[in-house]
Amino acid sequence: MLWWGMIIRICVKCSDGFWARLLQEPENQQRGVDYDGYVPSWMPGDHDGDYVSLDIDAGTGKILNWKCPTSAQLAETFKFKRGVKVGKLV
């Protein structure tokens, strides 16, 4: 069965229980420190810090509503110095 044109919409309430780690390829080297707390403002959707909302293309697995965070947003979230270069995601 083909799944093209179908979207999986995920919405999870995590309140202040959100957790994320920033890893850099190819060795999955950790950048900055782990983040936990409210959902960062750069995550997609109207979440008020409490929800993770993702639209996923069922045919490709790609997140449709994702907008790449800026280097400044990542630096603030993961507490690393702005001079650290984070490669652009393709």
N, C-alpha and C. Protein backbone atom coordinates (compact mmCIF):
# COMPACT_ATOMS: atom_id res chain seq x y z
N MET A 1 0.83 -1.18 0.00
CA MET A 1 0.00 0.00 0.00
C MET A 1 0.89 1.25 0.00
N LEU A 2 0.52 2.23 -0.78
CA LEU A 2 1.27 3.47 -0.84
C LEU A 2 0.71 4.45 0.18
N TRP A 3 1.61 5.16 0.84
CA TRP A 3 1.21 6.11 1.88
C TRP A 3 1.40 7.55 1.45
N TRP A 4 1.72 7.79 0.19
CA TRP A 4 1.92 9.15 -0.27
C TRP A 4 0.65 9.95 -0.10
N GLY A 5 0.81 11.19 0.30
CA GLY A 5 -0.34 12.06 0.49
C GLY A 5 -1.01 11.90 1.84
N MET A 6 -0.49 11.01 2.69
CA MET A 6 -1.06 10.83 4.02
C MET A 6 -0.12 11.45 5.05
N ILE A 7 -0.71 12.08 6.05
CA ILE A 7 0.07 12.76 7.09
C ILE A 7 -0.27 12.15 8.44
N ILE A 8 0.77 11.87 9.21
CA ILE A 8 0.60 11.44 10.59
C ILE A 8 0.80 12.69 11.44
N ARG A 9 -0.20 13.08 12.17
CA ARG A 9 -0.11 14.26 13.03
C ARG A 9 0.07 13.77 14.47
N ILE A 10 1.18 14.19 15.08
CA ILE A 10 1.49 13.79 16.44
C ILE A 10 1.46 15.02 17.34
N CYS A 11 0.79 14.91 18.46
CA CYS A 11 0.77 15.98 19.45
C CYS A 11 0.93 15.33 20.82
N VAL A 12 1.99 15.70 21.52
CA VAL A 12 2.29 15.11 22.81
C VAL A 12 2.39 16.22 23.84
N LYS A 13 1.66 16.09 24.95
CA LYS A 13 1.79 17.06 26.03
C LYS A 13 2.92 16.60 26.93
N CYS A 14 3.92 17.45 27.05
CA CYS A 14 5.05 17.09 27.90
C CYS A 14 5.31 18.13 28.98
N SER A 15 4.51 19.19 29.02
CA SER A 15 4.65 20.25 30.02
C SER A 15 6.11 20.62 30.18
N ASP A 16 6.63 20.52 31.39
CA ASP A 16 8.03 20.87 31.60
C ASP A 16 8.91 19.63 31.59
N GLY A 17 8.43 18.54 30.98
CA GLY A 17 9.18 17.30 30.91
C GLY A 17 9.87 17.08 29.58
N PHE A 18 9.99 18.11 28.75
CA PHE A 18 10.66 17.99 27.45
C PHE A 18 12.15 17.74 27.69
N TRP A 19 12.76 16.91 26.85
CA TRP A 19 14.19 16.63 26.94
C TRP A 19 14.77 16.54 25.54
N ALA A 20 15.98 17.08 25.34
CA ALA A 20 16.64 16.99 24.04
C ALA A 20 18.15 16.99 24.22
N ARG A 21 18.83 16.36 23.27
CA ARG A 21 20.29 16.34 23.23
C ARG A 21 20.69 16.67 21.80
N LEU A 22 21.69 17.51 21.63
CA LEU A 22 22.18 17.90 20.31
C LEU A 22 23.43 17.09 20.00
N LEU A 23 23.37 16.30 18.93
CA LEU A 23 24.49 15.44 18.52
C LEU A 23 24.96 15.87 17.14
N GLN A 24 26.26 15.78 16.92
CA GLN A 24 26.82 16.13 15.62
C GLN A 24 27.39 14.88 14.96
N GLU A 25 27.00 14.69 13.71
CA GLU A 25 27.50 13.56 12.91
C GLU A 25 28.96 13.82 12.53
N PRO A 26 29.76 12.84 12.19
CA PRO A 26 29.37 11.45 12.00
C PRO A 26 29.52 10.60 13.27
N GLU A 27 30.19 11.08 14.30
CA GLU A 27 30.42 10.24 15.48
C GLU A 27 29.39 10.46 16.59
N ASN A 28 28.32 11.21 16.29
CA ASN A 28 27.31 11.54 17.30
C ASN A 28 27.92 12.20 18.53
N GLN A 29 28.84 13.14 18.27
CA GLN A 29 29.49 13.88 19.34
C GLN A 29 28.50 14.88 19.93
N GLN A 30 28.36 14.87 21.25
CA GLN A 30 27.42 15.77 21.90
C GLN A 30 27.93 17.21 21.84
N ARG A 31 27.03 18.12 21.51
CA ARG A 31 27.30 19.56 21.49
C ARG A 31 26.49 20.20 22.58
N GLY A 32 27.13 20.94 23.44
CA GLY A 32 26.42 21.61 24.52
C GLY A 32 26.00 20.62 25.60
N VAL A 33 25.01 21.03 26.38
CA VAL A 33 24.51 20.20 27.46
C VAL A 33 23.09 19.75 27.14
N ASP A 34 22.66 18.69 27.78
CA ASP A 34 21.29 18.23 27.61
C ASP A 34 20.33 19.34 28.03
N TYR A 35 19.21 19.43 27.34
CA TYR A 35 18.19 20.42 27.68
C TYR A 35 16.97 19.69 28.22
N ASP A 36 16.46 20.19 29.33
CA ASP A 36 15.15 19.70 29.78
C ASP A 36 14.38 20.87 30.37
N GLY A 37 13.09 20.77 30.28
CA GLY A 37 12.23 21.85 30.74
C GLY A 37 11.05 22.01 29.80
N TYR A 38 10.69 23.25 29.54
CA TYR A 38 9.58 23.52 28.62
C TYR A 38 10.02 23.29 27.18
N VAL A 39 9.06 23.04 26.30
CA VAL A 39 9.35 22.86 24.89
C VAL A 39 9.93 24.17 24.36
N PRO A 40 11.11 24.12 23.71
CA PRO A 40 11.73 25.35 23.21
C PRO A 40 10.83 26.08 22.20
N SER A 41 10.95 27.38 22.19
CA SER A 41 10.09 28.21 21.33
C SER A 41 10.28 27.91 19.85
N TRP A 42 11.44 27.38 19.47
CA TRP A 42 11.70 27.13 18.05
C TRP A 42 11.08 25.82 17.54
N MET A 43 10.48 25.03 18.43
CA MET A 43 9.80 23.82 17.98
C MET A 43 8.53 24.21 17.24
N PRO A 44 8.11 23.42 16.23
CA PRO A 44 6.94 23.79 15.43
C PRO A 44 5.62 23.71 16.20
N GLY A 45 4.66 24.46 15.70
CA GLY A 45 3.31 24.42 16.25
C GLY A 45 3.08 25.46 17.34
N ASP A 46 1.82 25.61 17.69
CA ASP A 46 1.43 26.48 18.80
C ASP A 46 1.44 25.63 20.05
N HIS A 47 2.52 25.73 20.82
CA HIS A 47 2.68 24.79 21.92
C HIS A 47 2.75 25.42 23.30
N ASP A 48 2.96 26.72 23.39
CA ASP A 48 3.04 27.40 24.68
C ASP A 48 3.98 26.70 25.66
N GLY A 49 5.00 26.01 25.13
CA GLY A 49 5.97 25.34 25.98
C GLY A 49 5.52 24.01 26.54
N ASP A 50 4.31 23.56 26.17
CA ASP A 50 3.77 22.34 26.76
C ASP A 50 3.59 21.18 25.79
N TYR A 51 3.60 21.44 24.49
CA TYR A 51 3.28 20.39 23.51
C TYR A 51 4.35 20.28 22.43
N VAL A 52 4.57 19.06 21.97
CA VAL A 52 5.36 18.81 20.76
C VAL A 52 4.36 18.40 19.70
N SER A 53 4.29 19.17 18.61
CA SER A 53 3.35 18.91 17.52
C SER A 53 4.12 18.74 16.22
N LEU A 54 4.04 17.55 15.65
CA LEU A 54 4.76 17.25 14.42
C LEU A 54 3.81 16.68 13.38
N ASP A 55 3.94 17.14 12.14
CA ASP A 55 3.23 16.56 11.00
C ASP A 55 4.25 15.77 10.19
N ILE A 56 4.01 14.47 10.03
CA ILE A 56 4.97 13.58 9.38
C ILE A 56 4.35 13.01 8.12
N ASP A 57 5.08 13.12 7.01
CA ASP A 57 4.64 12.53 5.75
C ASP A 57 4.78 11.01 5.89
N ALA A 58 3.67 10.30 5.81
CA ALA A 58 3.67 8.84 6.00
C ALA A 58 4.45 8.11 4.92
N GLY A 59 4.59 8.71 3.74
CA GLY A 59 5.30 8.06 2.64
C GLY A 59 6.81 8.19 2.72
N THR A 60 7.29 9.29 3.30
CA THR A 60 8.73 9.54 3.34
C THR A 60 9.31 9.57 4.74
N GLY A 61 8.46 9.78 5.75
CA GLY A 61 8.95 9.89 7.12
C GLY A 61 9.49 11.26 7.46
N LYS A 62 9.37 12.21 6.54
CA LYS A 62 9.89 13.56 6.78
C LYS A 62 8.89 14.39 7.58
N ILE A 63 9.46 15.20 8.49
CA ILE A 63 8.63 16.12 9.27
C ILE A 63 8.30 17.31 8.39
N LEU A 64 7.02 17.56 8.19
CA LEU A 64 6.58 18.58 7.25
C LEU A 64 6.57 19.99 7.83
N ASN A 65 6.31 20.13 9.10
CA ASN A 65 6.20 21.46 9.69
C ASN A 65 7.48 21.91 10.40
N TRP A 66 8.60 21.28 10.09
CA TRP A 66 9.87 21.60 10.73
C TRP A 66 10.50 22.83 10.08
N LYS A 67 10.93 23.76 10.89
CA LYS A 67 11.74 24.90 10.45
C LYS A 67 13.03 24.83 11.23
N CYS A 68 14.14 24.83 10.52
CA CYS A 68 15.44 24.68 11.17
C CYS A 68 15.68 25.81 12.16
N PRO A 69 16.06 25.47 13.40
CA PRO A 69 16.39 26.52 14.36
C PRO A 69 17.68 27.22 13.95
N THR A 70 17.82 28.45 14.37
CA THR A 70 19.05 29.20 14.06
C THR A 70 20.17 28.74 14.99
N SER A 71 21.40 29.10 14.63
CA SER A 71 22.54 28.79 15.49
C SER A 71 22.38 29.44 16.85
N ALA A 72 21.85 30.66 16.86
CA ALA A 72 21.63 31.36 18.14
C ALA A 72 20.62 30.61 19.01
N GLN A 73 19.54 30.11 18.40
CA GLN A 73 18.54 29.37 19.17
C GLN A 73 19.12 28.08 19.74
N LEU A 74 19.92 27.38 18.93
CA LEU A 74 20.55 26.15 19.42
C LEU A 74 21.56 26.45 20.53
N ALA A 75 22.33 27.52 20.35
CA ALA A 75 23.31 27.90 21.37
C ALA A 75 22.62 28.21 22.69
N GLU A 76 21.50 28.91 22.63
CA GLU A 76 20.78 29.25 23.85
C GLU A 76 20.17 28.01 24.50
N THR A 77 19.57 27.15 23.70
CA THR A 77 18.91 25.96 24.23
C THR A 77 19.91 24.98 24.84
N PHE A 78 21.01 24.73 24.13
CA PHE A 78 21.97 23.70 24.56
C PHE A 78 23.20 24.27 25.25
N LYS A 79 23.18 25.58 25.51
CA LYS A 79 24.20 26.26 26.32
C LYS A 79 25.62 26.08 25.81
N PHE A 80 25.81 26.28 24.51
CA PHE A 80 27.18 26.29 24.01
C PHE A 80 27.50 27.66 23.46
N LYS A 81 28.77 27.93 23.31
CA LYS A 81 29.19 29.23 22.83
C LYS A 81 28.81 29.40 21.37
N ARG A 82 28.42 30.60 21.01
CA ARG A 82 27.97 30.85 19.63
C ARG A 82 29.04 30.55 18.60
N GLY A 83 30.30 30.54 18.98
CA GLY A 83 31.37 30.27 18.03
C GLY A 83 31.37 28.83 17.54
N VAL A 84 30.70 27.93 18.24
CA VAL A 84 30.64 26.53 17.83
C VAL A 84 29.79 26.45 16.57
N LYS A 85 30.33 25.84 15.53
CA LYS A 85 29.60 25.74 14.27
C LYS A 85 28.75 24.48 14.28
N VAL A 86 27.50 24.68 13.92
CA VAL A 86 26.57 23.56 13.78
C VAL A 86 26.23 23.49 12.30
N GLY A 87 26.56 22.36 11.67
CA GLY A 87 26.33 22.22 10.24
C GLY A 87 24.86 22.33 9.88
N LYS A 88 24.59 22.82 8.69
CA LYS A 88 23.21 22.93 8.23
C LYS A 88 22.67 21.56 7.88
N LEU A 89 21.45 21.29 8.35
CA LEU A 89 20.83 20.00 8.07
C LEU A 89 20.32 19.99 6.64
N VAL A 90 20.41 18.86 5.99
CA VAL A 90 19.96 18.75 4.60
C VAL A 90 18.62 18.05 4.59
